[in-house]
N, C-alpha and C. Protein backbone atom coordinates (compact mmCIF):
# COMPACT_ATOMS: atom_id res chain seq x y z
N MET A 1 12.54 -18.47 -23.20
CA MET A 1 12.05 -17.20 -22.73
C MET A 1 10.94 -17.37 -21.70
N VAL A 2 10.06 -18.31 -21.89
CA VAL A 2 9.01 -18.57 -20.92
C VAL A 2 9.59 -18.97 -19.58
N TYR A 3 10.67 -19.72 -19.62
CA TYR A 3 11.33 -20.14 -18.37
C TYR A 3 11.83 -18.95 -17.59
N LEU A 4 12.41 -17.96 -18.27
CA LEU A 4 12.93 -16.77 -17.58
C LEU A 4 11.80 -15.98 -16.94
N ILE A 5 10.69 -15.85 -17.64
CA ILE A 5 9.55 -15.13 -17.09
C ILE A 5 9.04 -15.85 -15.85
N THR A 6 8.92 -17.15 -15.94
CA THR A 6 8.47 -17.94 -14.80
C THR A 6 9.44 -17.82 -13.64
N LEU A 7 10.73 -17.86 -13.94
CA LEU A 7 11.73 -17.76 -12.89
C LEU A 7 11.65 -16.39 -12.22
N ARG A 8 11.53 -15.34 -13.00
CA ARG A 8 11.45 -14.00 -12.41
C ARG A 8 10.17 -13.84 -11.59
N ALA A 9 9.08 -14.38 -12.07
CA ALA A 9 7.84 -14.31 -11.30
C ALA A 9 7.99 -15.04 -9.98
N THR A 10 8.65 -16.20 -10.01
CA THR A 10 8.89 -16.97 -8.79
C THR A 10 9.79 -16.19 -7.84
N GLU A 11 10.83 -15.53 -8.38
CA GLU A 11 11.71 -14.72 -7.53
C GLU A 11 10.93 -13.58 -6.89
N ALA A 12 10.04 -12.96 -7.66
CA ALA A 12 9.25 -11.85 -7.11
C ALA A 12 8.33 -12.36 -6.00
N ILE A 13 7.75 -13.52 -6.20
CA ILE A 13 6.88 -14.10 -5.16
C ILE A 13 7.69 -14.40 -3.91
N CYS A 14 8.88 -14.97 -4.08
CA CYS A 14 9.72 -15.29 -2.92
C CYS A 14 10.12 -14.01 -2.20
N THR A 15 10.48 -12.97 -2.93
CA THR A 15 10.85 -11.71 -2.33
C THR A 15 9.67 -11.11 -1.56
N ALA A 16 8.49 -11.14 -2.18
CA ALA A 16 7.29 -10.61 -1.51
C ALA A 16 6.97 -11.41 -0.26
N ALA A 17 7.17 -12.73 -0.33
CA ALA A 17 6.92 -13.58 0.85
C ALA A 17 7.89 -13.24 1.97
N LYS A 18 9.15 -12.96 1.63
CA LYS A 18 10.12 -12.58 2.66
C LYS A 18 9.73 -11.26 3.31
N VAL A 19 9.32 -10.29 2.50
CA VAL A 19 8.92 -8.99 3.03
C VAL A 19 7.70 -9.16 3.92
N ASP A 20 6.73 -9.97 3.46
CA ASP A 20 5.53 -10.20 4.27
C ASP A 20 5.86 -10.88 5.58
N SER A 21 6.79 -11.83 5.58
CA SER A 21 7.13 -12.52 6.82
C SER A 21 7.88 -11.58 7.77
N ILE A 22 8.69 -10.71 7.23
CA ILE A 22 9.39 -9.73 8.07
C ILE A 22 8.37 -8.78 8.69
N ARG A 23 7.44 -8.32 7.87
CA ARG A 23 6.42 -7.41 8.38
C ARG A 23 5.56 -8.11 9.43
N ALA A 24 5.18 -9.34 9.17
CA ALA A 24 4.36 -10.10 10.13
C ALA A 24 5.09 -10.28 11.45
N ALA A 25 6.37 -10.55 11.39
CA ALA A 25 7.16 -10.72 12.61
C ALA A 25 7.23 -9.40 13.39
N PHE A 26 7.43 -8.31 12.67
CA PHE A 26 7.48 -6.98 13.30
C PHE A 26 6.15 -6.66 13.97
N GLU A 27 5.06 -6.89 13.25
CA GLU A 27 3.73 -6.59 13.80
C GLU A 27 3.39 -7.50 14.97
N ALA A 28 3.86 -8.74 14.94
CA ALA A 28 3.62 -9.67 16.05
C ALA A 28 4.28 -9.15 17.33
N GLU A 29 5.45 -8.53 17.18
CA GLU A 29 6.14 -7.96 18.35
C GLU A 29 5.34 -6.82 18.96
N LEU A 30 4.57 -6.12 18.15
CA LEU A 30 3.80 -4.97 18.64
C LEU A 30 2.52 -5.38 19.34
N MET A 31 2.08 -6.60 19.14
CA MET A 31 0.79 -7.04 19.71
C MET A 31 0.92 -7.27 21.20
N ASN A 32 -0.12 -6.85 21.94
CA ASN A 32 -0.09 -7.07 23.39
C ASN A 32 -0.95 -8.28 23.78
N GLN A 33 -1.55 -8.95 22.79
CA GLN A 33 -2.32 -10.17 23.04
C GLN A 33 -1.95 -11.19 21.98
N ALA A 34 -2.19 -12.44 22.29
CA ALA A 34 -1.93 -13.49 21.31
C ALA A 34 -2.96 -13.37 20.18
N PRO A 35 -2.55 -13.67 18.95
CA PRO A 35 -3.53 -13.60 17.84
C PRO A 35 -4.60 -14.67 18.00
N TYR A 36 -5.74 -14.42 17.45
CA TYR A 36 -6.82 -15.40 17.49
C TYR A 36 -7.58 -15.36 16.17
N ARG A 37 -8.31 -16.40 15.90
CA ARG A 37 -9.08 -16.51 14.66
C ARG A 37 -10.58 -16.38 14.98
N LEU A 38 -11.28 -15.74 14.05
CA LEU A 38 -12.71 -15.61 14.19
C LEU A 38 -13.38 -16.57 13.22
N ASP A 39 -14.43 -17.24 13.68
CA ASP A 39 -15.19 -18.05 12.75
C ASP A 39 -16.07 -17.13 11.91
N GLN A 40 -16.75 -17.67 10.93
CA GLN A 40 -17.51 -16.86 9.98
C GLN A 40 -18.58 -16.03 10.68
N ILE A 41 -19.26 -16.57 11.66
CA ILE A 41 -20.31 -15.83 12.36
C ILE A 41 -19.73 -14.60 13.05
N ARG A 42 -18.61 -14.76 13.72
CA ARG A 42 -17.98 -13.64 14.43
C ARG A 42 -17.37 -12.63 13.46
N ARG A 43 -16.82 -13.11 12.33
CA ARG A 43 -16.30 -12.18 11.31
C ARG A 43 -17.43 -11.32 10.76
N ASP A 44 -18.57 -11.95 10.48
CA ASP A 44 -19.73 -11.20 9.98
C ASP A 44 -20.20 -10.16 11.00
N ALA A 45 -20.20 -10.53 12.28
CA ALA A 45 -20.62 -9.60 13.32
C ALA A 45 -19.68 -8.39 13.39
N VAL A 46 -18.40 -8.63 13.27
CA VAL A 46 -17.42 -7.53 13.29
C VAL A 46 -17.63 -6.63 12.09
N LEU A 47 -17.79 -7.21 10.92
CA LEU A 47 -17.98 -6.42 9.71
C LEU A 47 -19.26 -5.60 9.78
N GLU A 48 -20.32 -6.15 10.36
CA GLU A 48 -21.56 -5.39 10.52
C GLU A 48 -21.40 -4.24 11.51
N ALA A 49 -20.54 -4.41 12.49
CA ALA A 49 -20.35 -3.38 13.53
C ALA A 49 -19.51 -2.20 13.04
N ILE A 50 -18.80 -2.37 11.94
CA ILE A 50 -17.94 -1.30 11.43
C ILE A 50 -18.72 -0.53 10.38
N PRO A 51 -19.06 0.72 10.66
CA PRO A 51 -19.85 1.48 9.69
C PRO A 51 -18.98 1.92 8.51
N GLU A 52 -19.62 2.02 7.36
CA GLU A 52 -18.94 2.55 6.18
C GLU A 52 -19.14 4.05 6.19
N VAL A 53 -18.06 4.78 6.00
CA VAL A 53 -18.13 6.23 6.09
C VAL A 53 -17.61 6.83 4.79
N GLU A 54 -18.36 7.78 4.26
CA GLU A 54 -17.88 8.53 3.13
C GLU A 54 -17.77 9.98 3.54
N ALA A 55 -16.69 10.64 3.15
CA ALA A 55 -16.49 12.03 3.53
C ALA A 55 -15.71 12.74 2.44
N GLU A 56 -15.87 14.05 2.40
CA GLU A 56 -15.14 14.85 1.41
C GLU A 56 -13.95 15.55 2.05
N VAL A 57 -13.46 15.00 3.13
CA VAL A 57 -12.29 15.55 3.83
C VAL A 57 -11.28 14.44 4.00
N PRO A 58 -10.02 14.77 4.34
CA PRO A 58 -9.02 13.72 4.57
C PRO A 58 -9.45 12.78 5.69
N PRO A 59 -8.93 11.57 5.70
CA PRO A 59 -9.39 10.57 6.67
C PRO A 59 -9.05 10.90 8.12
N GLU A 60 -7.99 11.66 8.36
CA GLU A 60 -7.57 11.92 9.74
C GLU A 60 -8.64 12.59 10.59
N PRO A 61 -9.27 13.70 10.11
CA PRO A 61 -10.32 14.31 10.93
C PRO A 61 -11.53 13.39 11.11
N VAL A 62 -11.85 12.62 10.11
CA VAL A 62 -12.99 11.72 10.22
C VAL A 62 -12.70 10.66 11.28
N MET A 63 -11.49 10.08 11.26
CA MET A 63 -11.13 9.07 12.27
C MET A 63 -11.12 9.67 13.67
N GLY A 64 -10.63 10.91 13.80
CA GLY A 64 -10.63 11.58 15.09
C GLY A 64 -12.05 11.75 15.63
N ASP A 65 -12.96 12.19 14.76
CA ASP A 65 -14.36 12.34 15.16
C ASP A 65 -14.99 10.98 15.48
N PHE A 66 -14.64 9.99 14.69
CA PHE A 66 -15.20 8.66 14.86
C PHE A 66 -14.75 8.07 16.20
N LYS A 67 -13.49 8.24 16.55
CA LYS A 67 -12.96 7.71 17.82
C LYS A 67 -13.54 8.48 19.00
N ALA A 68 -13.76 9.77 18.84
CA ALA A 68 -14.29 10.60 19.94
C ALA A 68 -15.74 10.29 20.24
N GLY A 69 -16.46 9.79 19.24
CA GLY A 69 -17.91 9.56 19.41
C GLY A 69 -18.19 8.31 20.06
């Protein structure tokens, strides 16, 4: 019984990996620049530049206002 659970878990991981690779390939086609990696200093700078917003309205109007500002 343990073997079956392990096998099913492995199948689920393989299926999820296939879906992730399909999604990654699709999103790569949409990119207009080559992907790049940020080192820790640059990642921290990006995270600091993104403000955390709390609102009592749906996210769409907030994002619209945020982009307009």
